[in-house]
Amino acid sequence: MGIVNRMGELGTFVLETGEVSELTIREGDRIVRRESVESFRRLSEKYVPLNGRREFVKCFRDIFEPLCKALSPVEMWVAMAVVPLIATNSGILEYRNGKKVTTAGLCEMYRKEMSDRSIYRGIAGLVEKGVLAKCRVGGKALLVANPYIYQRGTQANATLLGLFEDTEWAIWAKESPSISRK
């Protein structure tokens, strides 16, 4: 917290003597109370850096209880398996090199953990339930994650939001009391 000077250059004086001091507060300077600095220092001492530069995907906690109740175990497994593949802001499932993930690619990635048939069934169920979308672009199928369930990045474009706006997850998110409204 603090006060930002937006008025231009300000002179200061010593309150006890009325003498002009050499301290000038320039436009854009921030004035912070000592108590705020001390409070911040105390809070900072209680926390240690964790996970430095690790990438993460936001999973919205108010969605997970209804999601767990709506998905089969295979669908839930696939829903979690795609999390590391969600591209920033677009929601498209991509490998680190930018190549788009296909259902066949998912099968190849997880063949030791899950049968191809189960993965195909899981994807189909997730698409049917609005957790993922399967979009065709030039004959190529893209998989896209629902940003109302999980999102990587801080923005989603109107096309991505429109793709999922009629899903029960979008309706749930909009009605959730835990979401702050502007």
N, C-alpha and C. Protein backbone atom coordinates (compact mmCIF):
# COMPACT_ATOMS: atom_id res chain seq x y z
N MET A 1 0.85 -1.18 0.00
CA MET A 1 0.00 0.00 0.00
C MET A 1 0.89 1.23 0.00
N GLY A 2 0.33 2.33 -0.34
CA GLY A 2 1.05 3.58 -0.31
C GLY A 2 0.29 4.64 -1.09
N ILE A 3 0.77 5.83 -0.96
CA ILE A 3 0.18 6.96 -1.68
C ILE A 3 1.12 7.30 -2.82
N VAL A 4 0.58 7.45 -4.01
CA VAL A 4 1.40 7.79 -5.17
C VAL A 4 1.17 9.27 -5.49
N ASN A 5 2.26 10.00 -5.64
CA ASN A 5 2.17 11.42 -5.99
C ASN A 5 1.84 11.55 -7.47
N ARG A 6 0.69 12.08 -7.76
CA ARG A 6 0.26 12.29 -9.15
C ARG A 6 0.07 13.79 -9.43
N MET A 7 0.58 14.64 -8.54
CA MET A 7 0.35 16.08 -8.65
C MET A 7 1.52 16.86 -9.23
N GLY A 8 2.64 16.23 -9.39
CA GLY A 8 3.84 16.96 -9.79
C GLY A 8 4.81 17.01 -8.62
N GLU A 9 5.87 17.76 -8.75
CA GLU A 9 6.90 17.81 -7.72
C GLU A 9 6.38 18.51 -6.46
N LEU A 10 6.64 17.90 -5.29
CA LEU A 10 6.20 18.45 -4.01
C LEU A 10 7.41 18.70 -3.11
N GLY A 11 7.42 19.85 -2.47
CA GLY A 11 8.46 20.14 -1.49
C GLY A 11 7.99 19.67 -0.12
N THR A 12 8.91 19.51 0.82
CA THR A 12 8.57 19.09 2.18
C THR A 12 9.17 20.06 3.18
N PHE A 13 8.63 19.99 4.39
CA PHE A 13 9.18 20.83 5.46
C PHE A 13 9.16 20.04 6.76
N VAL A 14 9.95 20.52 7.73
CA VAL A 14 10.03 19.90 9.05
C VAL A 14 8.87 20.44 9.86
N LEU A 15 8.01 19.55 10.35
CA LEU A 15 6.79 19.95 11.05
C LEU A 15 7.08 20.76 12.31
N GLU A 16 8.09 20.36 13.09
CA GLU A 16 8.39 21.04 14.36
C GLU A 16 8.91 22.47 14.16
N THR A 17 9.73 22.67 13.11
CA THR A 17 10.38 23.97 12.95
C THR A 17 9.79 24.80 11.82
N GLY A 18 9.11 24.15 10.89
CA GLY A 18 8.56 24.86 9.75
C GLY A 18 9.59 25.12 8.67
N GLU A 19 10.82 24.63 8.87
CA GLU A 19 11.88 24.83 7.87
C GLU A 19 11.66 23.93 6.67
N VAL A 20 11.99 24.45 5.50
CA VAL A 20 11.90 23.67 4.27
C VAL A 20 13.02 22.64 4.29
N SER A 21 12.67 21.38 3.97
CA SER A 21 13.70 20.33 3.94
C SER A 21 14.20 20.13 2.51
N GLU A 22 15.25 19.35 2.41
CA GLU A 22 15.84 19.09 1.09
C GLU A 22 15.11 17.96 0.34
N LEU A 23 14.21 17.28 1.02
CA LEU A 23 13.50 16.16 0.43
C LEU A 23 12.42 16.66 -0.54
N THR A 24 12.48 16.16 -1.77
CA THR A 24 11.47 16.50 -2.78
C THR A 24 10.76 15.21 -3.17
N ILE A 25 9.46 15.29 -3.22
CA ILE A 25 8.66 14.14 -3.65
C ILE A 25 8.27 14.39 -5.10
N ARG A 26 8.84 13.56 -5.99
CA ARG A 26 8.61 13.75 -7.42
C ARG A 26 7.32 13.05 -7.86
N GLU A 27 6.80 13.44 -8.99
CA GLU A 27 5.61 12.80 -9.55
C GLU A 27 5.91 11.32 -9.78
N GLY A 28 5.00 10.48 -9.32
CA GLY A 28 5.18 9.03 -9.46
C GLY A 28 5.82 8.38 -8.25
N ASP A 29 6.43 9.18 -7.33
CA ASP A 29 6.99 8.62 -6.11
C ASP A 29 5.87 8.07 -5.24
N ARG A 30 6.19 7.03 -4.49
CA ARG A 30 5.22 6.39 -3.61
C ARG A 30 5.63 6.64 -2.16
N ILE A 31 4.66 7.02 -1.35
CA ILE A 31 4.89 7.24 0.07
C ILE A 31 4.26 6.06 0.80
N VAL A 32 5.07 5.35 1.59
CA VAL A 32 4.60 4.17 2.30
C VAL A 32 4.83 4.37 3.80
N ARG A 33 3.81 4.09 4.59
CA ARG A 33 3.93 4.22 6.04
C ARG A 33 4.90 3.19 6.60
N ARG A 34 5.61 3.55 7.67
CA ARG A 34 6.57 2.66 8.33
C ARG A 34 5.86 1.38 8.76
N GLU A 35 4.63 1.51 9.29
CA GLU A 35 3.88 0.33 9.75
C GLU A 35 3.64 -0.65 8.61
N SER A 36 3.38 -0.13 7.42
CA SER A 36 3.17 -1.01 6.26
C SER A 36 4.44 -1.75 5.89
N VAL A 37 5.56 -1.04 5.94
CA VAL A 37 6.85 -1.67 5.62
C VAL A 37 7.16 -2.75 6.64
N GLU A 38 6.96 -2.46 7.92
CA GLU A 38 7.23 -3.45 8.97
C GLU A 38 6.30 -4.65 8.86
N SER A 39 5.04 -4.42 8.55
CA SER A 39 4.08 -5.51 8.39
C SER A 39 4.49 -6.40 7.22
N PHE A 40 4.89 -5.79 6.12
CA PHE A 40 5.34 -6.55 4.95
C PHE A 40 6.58 -7.38 5.29
N ARG A 41 7.51 -6.78 6.03
CA ARG A 41 8.73 -7.50 6.43
C ARG A 41 8.37 -8.71 7.28
N ARG A 42 7.47 -8.54 8.27
CA ARG A 42 7.07 -9.66 9.14
C ARG A 42 6.41 -10.77 8.33
N LEU A 43 5.54 -10.41 7.41
CA LEU A 43 4.89 -11.41 6.56
C LEU A 43 5.91 -12.13 5.69
N SER A 44 6.86 -11.38 5.15
CA SER A 44 7.88 -11.96 4.26
C SER A 44 8.74 -12.98 4.98
N GLU A 45 8.97 -12.76 6.27
CA GLU A 45 9.80 -13.69 7.04
C GLU A 45 9.10 -15.03 7.23
N LYS A 46 7.78 -15.04 7.18
CA LYS A 46 7.01 -16.27 7.41
C LYS A 46 6.92 -17.15 6.17
N TYR A 47 7.23 -16.60 5.02
CA TYR A 47 7.09 -17.35 3.78
C TYR A 47 8.45 -17.54 3.12
N VAL A 48 8.60 -18.70 2.51
CA VAL A 48 9.83 -18.99 1.78
C VAL A 48 9.50 -19.21 0.32
N PRO A 49 10.39 -18.86 -0.58
CA PRO A 49 10.12 -19.08 -2.01
C PRO A 49 9.90 -20.56 -2.28
N LEU A 50 8.95 -20.85 -3.12
CA LEU A 50 8.62 -22.23 -3.44
C LEU A 50 8.26 -22.31 -4.92
N ASN A 51 8.75 -23.29 -5.57
CA ASN A 51 8.40 -23.59 -6.97
C ASN A 51 8.84 -22.52 -7.96
N GLY A 52 9.78 -21.68 -7.57
CA GLY A 52 10.35 -20.64 -8.40
C GLY A 52 9.79 -20.45 -9.78
N ARG A 53 10.35 -21.12 -10.75
CA ARG A 53 9.98 -20.89 -12.15
C ARG A 53 9.16 -22.04 -12.73
N ARG A 54 8.60 -22.86 -11.87
CA ARG A 54 7.78 -23.97 -12.37
C ARG A 54 6.52 -23.43 -13.02
N GLU A 55 6.14 -24.04 -14.12
CA GLU A 55 4.90 -23.64 -14.80
C GLU A 55 3.72 -24.24 -14.06
N PHE A 56 2.56 -23.59 -14.16
CA PHE A 56 1.39 -24.12 -13.50
C PHE A 56 0.13 -23.84 -14.31
N VAL A 57 -0.88 -24.59 -14.01
CA VAL A 57 -2.20 -24.42 -14.60
C VAL A 57 -3.16 -24.18 -13.44
N LYS A 58 -4.02 -23.19 -13.57
CA LYS A 58 -5.01 -22.92 -12.53
C LYS A 58 -6.15 -23.93 -12.67
N CYS A 59 -6.46 -24.57 -11.59
CA CYS A 59 -7.62 -25.45 -11.53
C CYS A 59 -8.57 -24.82 -10.52
N PHE A 60 -9.75 -24.46 -10.93
CA PHE A 60 -10.65 -23.71 -10.09
C PHE A 60 -11.34 -24.62 -9.08
N ARG A 61 -11.10 -24.36 -7.80
CA ARG A 61 -11.52 -25.26 -6.73
C ARG A 61 -13.03 -25.40 -6.62
N ASP A 62 -13.79 -24.39 -6.95
CA ASP A 62 -15.25 -24.50 -6.82
C ASP A 62 -15.85 -25.41 -7.89
N ILE A 63 -15.10 -25.73 -8.91
CA ILE A 63 -15.58 -26.58 -9.99
C ILE A 63 -15.29 -28.06 -9.70
N PHE A 64 -14.28 -28.35 -8.90
CA PHE A 64 -13.82 -29.73 -8.81
C PHE A 64 -14.77 -30.69 -8.11
N GLU A 65 -15.51 -30.26 -7.13
CA GLU A 65 -16.48 -31.18 -6.51
C GLU A 65 -17.54 -31.60 -7.53
N PRO A 66 -18.20 -30.65 -8.22
CA PRO A 66 -19.18 -31.10 -9.22
C PRO A 66 -18.53 -31.85 -10.38
N LEU A 67 -17.30 -31.49 -10.72
CA LEU A 67 -16.60 -32.20 -11.80
C LEU A 67 -16.36 -33.65 -11.41
N CYS A 68 -15.89 -33.88 -10.19
CA CYS A 68 -15.65 -35.25 -9.72
C CYS A 68 -16.93 -36.07 -9.71
N LYS A 69 -18.04 -35.43 -9.40
CA LYS A 69 -19.32 -36.14 -9.37
C LYS A 69 -19.85 -36.42 -10.78
N ALA A 70 -19.48 -35.59 -11.75
CA ALA A 70 -20.01 -35.72 -13.11
C ALA A 70 -19.20 -36.65 -14.00
N LEU A 71 -17.90 -36.81 -13.70
CA LEU A 71 -17.03 -37.58 -14.59
C LEU A 71 -16.84 -39.00 -14.09
N SER A 72 -16.70 -39.90 -15.05
CA SER A 72 -16.35 -41.28 -14.72
C SER A 72 -14.87 -41.30 -14.31
N PRO A 73 -14.41 -42.37 -13.68
CA PRO A 73 -12.98 -42.44 -13.31
C PRO A 73 -12.04 -42.28 -14.51
N VAL A 74 -12.39 -42.88 -15.64
CA VAL A 74 -11.55 -42.77 -16.83
C VAL A 74 -11.55 -41.33 -17.34
N GLU A 75 -12.71 -40.69 -17.37
CA GLU A 75 -12.80 -39.30 -17.81
C GLU A 75 -11.97 -38.40 -16.89
N MET A 76 -12.05 -38.63 -15.59
CA MET A 76 -11.29 -37.82 -14.64
C MET A 76 -9.79 -38.03 -14.86
N TRP A 77 -9.39 -39.26 -15.10
CA TRP A 77 -7.98 -39.55 -15.34
C TRP A 77 -7.50 -38.79 -16.58
N VAL A 78 -8.28 -38.84 -17.65
CA VAL A 78 -7.90 -38.14 -18.89
C VAL A 78 -7.91 -36.63 -18.66
N ALA A 79 -8.90 -36.13 -17.91
CA ALA A 79 -8.97 -34.70 -17.62
C ALA A 79 -7.71 -34.22 -16.90
N MET A 80 -7.16 -35.04 -16.04
CA MET A 80 -5.92 -34.67 -15.34
C MET A 80 -4.69 -34.90 -16.23
N ALA A 81 -4.75 -35.89 -17.08
CA ALA A 81 -3.61 -36.19 -17.96
C ALA A 81 -3.35 -35.08 -18.97
N VAL A 82 -4.38 -34.32 -19.33
CA VAL A 82 -4.19 -33.26 -20.33
C VAL A 82 -3.71 -31.94 -19.71
N VAL A 83 -3.76 -31.81 -18.41
CA VAL A 83 -3.41 -30.55 -17.75
C VAL A 83 -2.03 -30.02 -18.18
N PRO A 84 -0.98 -30.85 -18.21
CA PRO A 84 0.33 -30.29 -18.60
C PRO A 84 0.42 -29.87 -20.07
N LEU A 85 -0.60 -30.19 -20.84
CA LEU A 85 -0.58 -29.89 -22.27
C LEU A 85 -1.36 -28.63 -22.64
N ILE A 86 -2.00 -28.00 -21.67
CA ILE A 86 -2.82 -26.82 -21.94
C ILE A 86 -1.92 -25.64 -22.28
N ALA A 87 -2.13 -25.05 -23.45
CA ALA A 87 -1.31 -23.91 -23.89
C ALA A 87 -1.78 -22.63 -23.21
N THR A 88 -0.85 -21.72 -23.02
CA THR A 88 -1.13 -20.45 -22.35
C THR A 88 -2.16 -19.64 -23.11
N ASN A 89 -3.20 -19.22 -22.40
CA ASN A 89 -4.29 -18.34 -22.86
C ASN A 89 -5.20 -18.93 -23.93
N SER A 90 -4.72 -19.83 -24.79
CA SER A 90 -5.57 -20.35 -25.86
C SER A 90 -6.35 -21.59 -25.44
N GLY A 91 -5.85 -22.33 -24.45
CA GLY A 91 -6.51 -23.56 -24.02
C GLY A 91 -6.29 -24.74 -24.95
N ILE A 92 -5.63 -24.54 -26.07
CA ILE A 92 -5.37 -25.63 -27.02
C ILE A 92 -4.35 -26.58 -26.39
N LEU A 93 -4.56 -27.87 -26.57
CA LEU A 93 -3.60 -28.84 -26.06
C LEU A 93 -2.42 -28.92 -27.03
N GLU A 94 -1.24 -28.64 -26.51
CA GLU A 94 -0.02 -28.61 -27.32
C GLU A 94 1.13 -29.26 -26.56
N TYR A 95 2.07 -29.81 -27.35
CA TYR A 95 3.33 -30.27 -26.76
C TYR A 95 4.21 -29.04 -26.54
N ARG A 96 5.30 -29.20 -25.83
CA ARG A 96 6.22 -28.09 -25.55
C ARG A 96 6.76 -27.44 -26.83
N ASN A 97 6.87 -28.23 -27.90
CA ASN A 97 7.40 -27.70 -29.15
C ASN A 97 6.34 -26.95 -29.98
N GLY A 98 5.11 -26.84 -29.46
CA GLY A 98 4.05 -26.12 -30.15
C GLY A 98 3.18 -26.98 -31.04
N LYS A 99 3.58 -28.22 -31.25
CA LYS A 99 2.78 -29.13 -32.07
C LYS A 99 1.50 -29.48 -31.32
N LYS A 100 0.39 -29.50 -32.05
CA LYS A 100 -0.91 -29.75 -31.44
C LYS A 100 -1.06 -31.22 -31.05
N VAL A 101 -1.71 -31.45 -29.93
CA VAL A 101 -1.92 -32.80 -29.40
C VAL A 101 -3.20 -33.38 -30.02
N THR A 102 -3.11 -34.59 -30.49
CA THR A 102 -4.28 -35.31 -31.01
C THR A 102 -4.63 -36.41 -30.01
N THR A 103 -5.80 -37.00 -30.20
CA THR A 103 -6.18 -38.12 -29.34
C THR A 103 -5.19 -39.27 -29.52
N ALA A 104 -4.76 -39.50 -30.75
CA ALA A 104 -3.76 -40.55 -31.01
C ALA A 104 -2.46 -40.23 -30.28
N GLY A 105 -2.09 -38.96 -30.26
CA GLY A 105 -0.88 -38.54 -29.54
C GLY A 105 -1.00 -38.78 -28.05
N LEU A 106 -2.18 -38.53 -27.49
CA LEU A 106 -2.41 -38.83 -26.07
C LEU A 106 -2.27 -40.32 -25.80
N CYS A 107 -2.82 -41.12 -26.71
CA CYS A 107 -2.71 -42.58 -26.56
C CYS A 107 -1.25 -43.00 -26.54
N GLU A 108 -0.47 -42.42 -27.43
CA GLU A 108 0.95 -42.75 -27.49
C GLU A 108 1.67 -42.34 -26.19
N MET A 109 1.33 -41.17 -25.66
CA MET A 109 1.97 -40.67 -24.43
C MET A 109 1.68 -41.56 -23.23
N TYR A 110 0.44 -42.06 -23.15
CA TYR A 110 -0.01 -42.75 -21.94
C TYR A 110 -0.33 -44.23 -22.15
N ARG A 111 0.20 -44.80 -23.21
CA ARG A 111 -0.13 -46.19 -23.54
C ARG A 111 0.19 -47.16 -22.40
N LYS A 112 1.24 -46.90 -21.64
CA LYS A 112 1.60 -47.80 -20.53
C LYS A 112 0.63 -47.67 -19.36
N GLU A 113 0.01 -46.50 -19.22
CA GLU A 113 -0.88 -46.25 -18.08
C GLU A 113 -2.35 -46.56 -18.37
N MET A 114 -2.75 -46.42 -19.64
CA MET A 114 -4.17 -46.54 -19.97
C MET A 114 -4.29 -47.07 -21.40
N SER A 115 -5.29 -47.88 -21.64
CA SER A 115 -5.49 -48.43 -22.99
C SER A 115 -5.96 -47.33 -23.94
N ASP A 116 -5.63 -47.52 -25.22
CA ASP A 116 -6.07 -46.56 -26.24
C ASP A 116 -7.59 -46.41 -26.22
N ARG A 117 -8.29 -47.52 -26.10
CA ARG A 117 -9.76 -47.50 -26.10
C ARG A 117 -10.27 -46.64 -24.94
N SER A 118 -9.66 -46.78 -23.76
CA SER A 118 -10.09 -45.98 -22.61
C SER A 118 -9.83 -44.50 -22.83
N ILE A 119 -8.69 -44.17 -23.42
CA ILE A 119 -8.37 -42.76 -23.67
C ILE A 119 -9.35 -42.18 -24.69
N TYR A 120 -9.64 -42.92 -25.76
CA TYR A 120 -10.62 -42.44 -26.75
C TYR A 120 -11.99 -42.25 -26.09
N ARG A 121 -12.39 -43.20 -25.25
CA ARG A 121 -13.66 -43.09 -24.54
C ARG A 121 -13.65 -41.90 -23.57
N GLY A 122 -12.53 -41.72 -22.88
CA GLY A 122 -12.40 -40.61 -21.95
C GLY A 122 -12.50 -39.26 -22.66
N ILE A 123 -11.81 -39.13 -23.79
CA ILE A 123 -11.88 -37.89 -24.58
C ILE A 123 -13.31 -37.64 -25.05
N ALA A 124 -13.96 -38.68 -25.58
CA ALA A 124 -15.33 -38.54 -26.07
C ALA A 124 -16.26 -38.09 -24.93
N GLY A 125 -16.08 -38.65 -23.76
CA GLY A 125 -16.91 -38.27 -22.61
C GLY A 125 -16.65 -36.84 -22.17
N LEU A 126 -15.38 -36.43 -22.20
CA LEU A 126 -15.03 -35.06 -21.80
C LEU A 126 -15.58 -34.05 -22.80
N VAL A 127 -15.57 -34.40 -24.08
CA VAL A 127 -16.14 -33.51 -25.10
C VAL A 127 -17.65 -33.42 -24.91
N GLU A 128 -18.28 -34.57 -24.70
CA GLU A 128 -19.73 -34.60 -24.49
C GLU A 128 -20.14 -33.79 -23.26
N LYS A 129 -19.30 -33.80 -22.22
CA LYS A 129 -19.63 -33.11 -20.97
C LYS A 129 -19.09 -31.68 -20.91
N GLY A 130 -18.48 -31.21 -22.00
CA GLY A 130 -18.03 -29.82 -22.08
C GLY A 130 -16.74 -29.51 -21.35
N VAL A 131 -15.98 -30.52 -21.01
CA VAL A 131 -14.69 -30.29 -20.35
C VAL A 131 -13.64 -29.97 -21.40
N LEU A 132 -13.71 -30.65 -22.52
CA LEU A 132 -12.85 -30.40 -23.67
C LEU A 132 -13.73 -30.13 -24.88
N ALA A 133 -13.14 -29.50 -25.88
CA ALA A 133 -13.80 -29.35 -27.18
C ALA A 133 -12.88 -29.95 -28.22
N LYS A 134 -13.49 -30.54 -29.23
CA LYS A 134 -12.73 -31.06 -30.36
C LYS A 134 -13.12 -30.19 -31.54
N CYS A 135 -12.16 -29.45 -32.08
CA CYS A 135 -12.41 -28.54 -33.19
C CYS A 135 -11.63 -28.99 -34.41
N ARG A 136 -12.25 -28.88 -35.55
CA ARG A 136 -11.57 -29.24 -36.80
C ARG A 136 -11.13 -27.98 -37.52
N VAL A 137 -9.86 -27.94 -37.87
CA VAL A 137 -9.30 -26.83 -38.63
C VAL A 137 -8.50 -27.45 -39.77
N GLY A 138 -8.97 -27.23 -40.97
CA GLY A 138 -8.28 -27.79 -42.13
C GLY A 138 -8.14 -29.29 -42.08
N GLY A 139 -9.16 -29.98 -41.61
CA GLY A 139 -9.13 -31.44 -41.55
C GLY A 139 -8.37 -31.98 -40.35
N LYS A 140 -7.80 -31.10 -39.55
CA LYS A 140 -7.04 -31.53 -38.38
C LYS A 140 -7.86 -31.25 -37.13
N ALA A 141 -7.95 -32.24 -36.24
CA ALA A 141 -8.72 -32.07 -35.01
C ALA A 141 -7.84 -31.50 -33.91
N LEU A 142 -8.30 -30.43 -33.30
CA LEU A 142 -7.61 -29.83 -32.16
C LEU A 142 -8.43 -30.11 -30.90
N LEU A 143 -7.74 -30.33 -29.79
CA LEU A 143 -8.40 -30.48 -28.51
C LEU A 143 -8.18 -29.19 -27.73
N VAL A 144 -9.25 -28.69 -27.12
CA VAL A 144 -9.20 -27.42 -26.40
C VAL A 144 -9.80 -27.63 -25.01
N ALA A 145 -9.12 -27.09 -23.99
CA ALA A 145 -9.58 -27.22 -22.61
C ALA A 145 -10.54 -26.08 -22.25
N ASN A 146 -11.52 -26.41 -21.43
CA ASN A 146 -12.51 -25.45 -20.98
C ASN A 146 -11.88 -24.50 -19.95
N PRO A 147 -11.81 -23.20 -20.25
CA PRO A 147 -11.16 -22.25 -19.33
C PRO A 147 -11.95 -22.00 -18.04
N TYR A 148 -13.19 -22.47 -17.99
CA TYR A 148 -13.97 -22.33 -16.76
C TYR A 148 -13.62 -23.44 -15.76
N ILE A 149 -12.89 -24.45 -16.22
CA ILE A 149 -12.45 -25.53 -15.35
C ILE A 149 -10.99 -25.36 -14.99
N TYR A 150 -10.16 -25.23 -16.03
CA TYR A 150 -8.75 -24.98 -15.79
C TYR A 150 -8.20 -24.08 -16.88
N GLN A 151 -7.24 -23.28 -16.49
CA GLN A 151 -6.71 -22.26 -17.40
C GLN A 151 -5.24 -22.06 -17.13
N ARG A 152 -4.49 -21.90 -18.19
CA ARG A 152 -3.09 -21.54 -18.07
C ARG A 152 -2.96 -20.14 -18.65
N GLY A 153 -2.41 -19.24 -17.85
CA GLY A 153 -2.31 -17.85 -18.27
C GLY A 153 -3.39 -17.04 -17.59
N THR A 154 -3.38 -15.76 -17.87
CA THR A 154 -4.30 -14.85 -17.19
C THR A 154 -5.41 -14.32 -18.10
N GLN A 155 -5.39 -14.70 -19.36
CA GLN A 155 -6.38 -14.18 -20.30
C GLN A 155 -6.95 -15.31 -21.14
N ALA A 156 -8.16 -15.10 -21.60
CA ALA A 156 -8.77 -16.03 -22.55
C ALA A 156 -9.46 -15.18 -23.59
N ASN A 157 -9.28 -15.53 -24.86
CA ASN A 157 -9.92 -14.71 -25.88
C ASN A 157 -11.40 -15.04 -26.00
N ALA A 158 -12.12 -14.17 -26.68
CA ALA A 158 -13.57 -14.31 -26.80
C ALA A 158 -13.97 -15.60 -27.51
N THR A 159 -13.16 -16.06 -28.45
CA THR A 159 -13.47 -17.29 -29.16
C THR A 159 -13.43 -18.48 -28.21
N LEU A 160 -12.40 -18.54 -27.37
CA LEU A 160 -12.27 -19.62 -26.40
C LEU A 160 -13.45 -19.60 -25.42
N LEU A 161 -13.78 -18.43 -24.90
CA LEU A 161 -14.89 -18.33 -23.96
C LEU A 161 -16.21 -18.69 -24.64
N GLY A 162 -16.39 -18.24 -25.88
CA GLY A 162 -17.61 -18.54 -26.62
C GLY A 162 -17.77 -20.02 -26.90
N LEU A 163 -16.67 -20.70 -27.08
CA LEU A 163 -16.70 -22.13 -27.35
C LEU A 163 -17.33 -22.90 -26.19
N PHE A 164 -17.12 -22.41 -24.98
CA PHE A 164 -17.59 -23.12 -23.80
C PHE A 164 -18.70 -22.40 -23.03
N GLU A 165 -19.19 -21.28 -23.54
CA GLU A 165 -20.12 -20.44 -22.77
C GLU A 165 -21.43 -21.13 -22.39
N ASP A 166 -21.85 -22.14 -23.14
CA ASP A 166 -23.11 -22.82 -22.83
C ASP A 166 -22.92 -24.10 -22.03
N THR A 167 -21.70 -24.39 -21.61
CA THR A 167 -21.48 -25.61 -20.83
C THR A 167 -21.93 -25.38 -19.39
N GLU A 168 -22.22 -26.47 -18.71
CA GLU A 168 -22.63 -26.34 -17.31
C GLU A 168 -21.51 -25.75 -16.46
N TRP A 169 -20.27 -25.89 -16.90
CA TRP A 169 -19.12 -25.39 -16.13
C TRP A 169 -19.05 -23.88 -16.21
N ALA A 170 -19.39 -23.31 -17.36
CA ALA A 170 -19.41 -21.85 -17.50
C ALA A 170 -20.54 -21.28 -16.65
N ILE A 171 -21.69 -21.93 -16.69
CA ILE A 171 -22.83 -21.47 -15.89
C ILE A 171 -22.49 -21.57 -14.41
N TRP A 172 -21.87 -22.69 -14.01
CA TRP A 172 -21.46 -22.89 -12.62
C TRP A 172 -20.48 -21.78 -12.19
N ALA A 173 -19.51 -21.52 -13.04
CA ALA A 173 -18.50 -20.51 -12.71
C ALA A 173 -19.12 -19.12 -12.57
N LYS A 174 -20.06 -18.80 -13.43
CA LYS A 174 -20.70 -17.48 -13.37
C LYS A 174 -21.59 -17.33 -12.14
N GLU A 175 -22.16 -18.43 -11.67
CA GLU A 175 -23.05 -18.39 -10.50
C GLU A 175 -22.32 -18.64 -9.19
N SER A 176 -21.06 -19.02 -9.26
CA SER A 176 -20.31 -19.38 -8.05
C SER A 176 -20.15 -18.18 -7.13
N PRO A 177 -20.45 -18.37 -5.84
CA PRO A 177 -20.28 -17.25 -4.90
C PRO A 177 -18.82 -16.92 -4.64
N SER A 178 -17.91 -17.82 -5.00
CA SER A 178 -16.50 -17.56 -4.73
C SER A 178 -15.85 -16.68 -5.79
N ILE A 179 -16.58 -16.38 -6.86
CA ILE A 179 -16.01 -15.55 -7.92
C ILE A 179 -16.33 -14.09 -7.62
N SER A 180 -15.28 -13.28 -7.59
CA SER A 180 -15.52 -11.86 -7.30
C SER A 180 -16.08 -11.18 -8.54
N ARG A 181 -17.03 -10.35 -8.35
CA ARG A 181 -17.67 -9.60 -9.45
C ARG A 181 -17.16 -8.17 -9.44
N LYS A 182 -17.02 -7.59 -10.60
CA LYS A 182 -16.59 -6.19 -10.69
C LYS A 182 -17.77 -5.28 -10.54
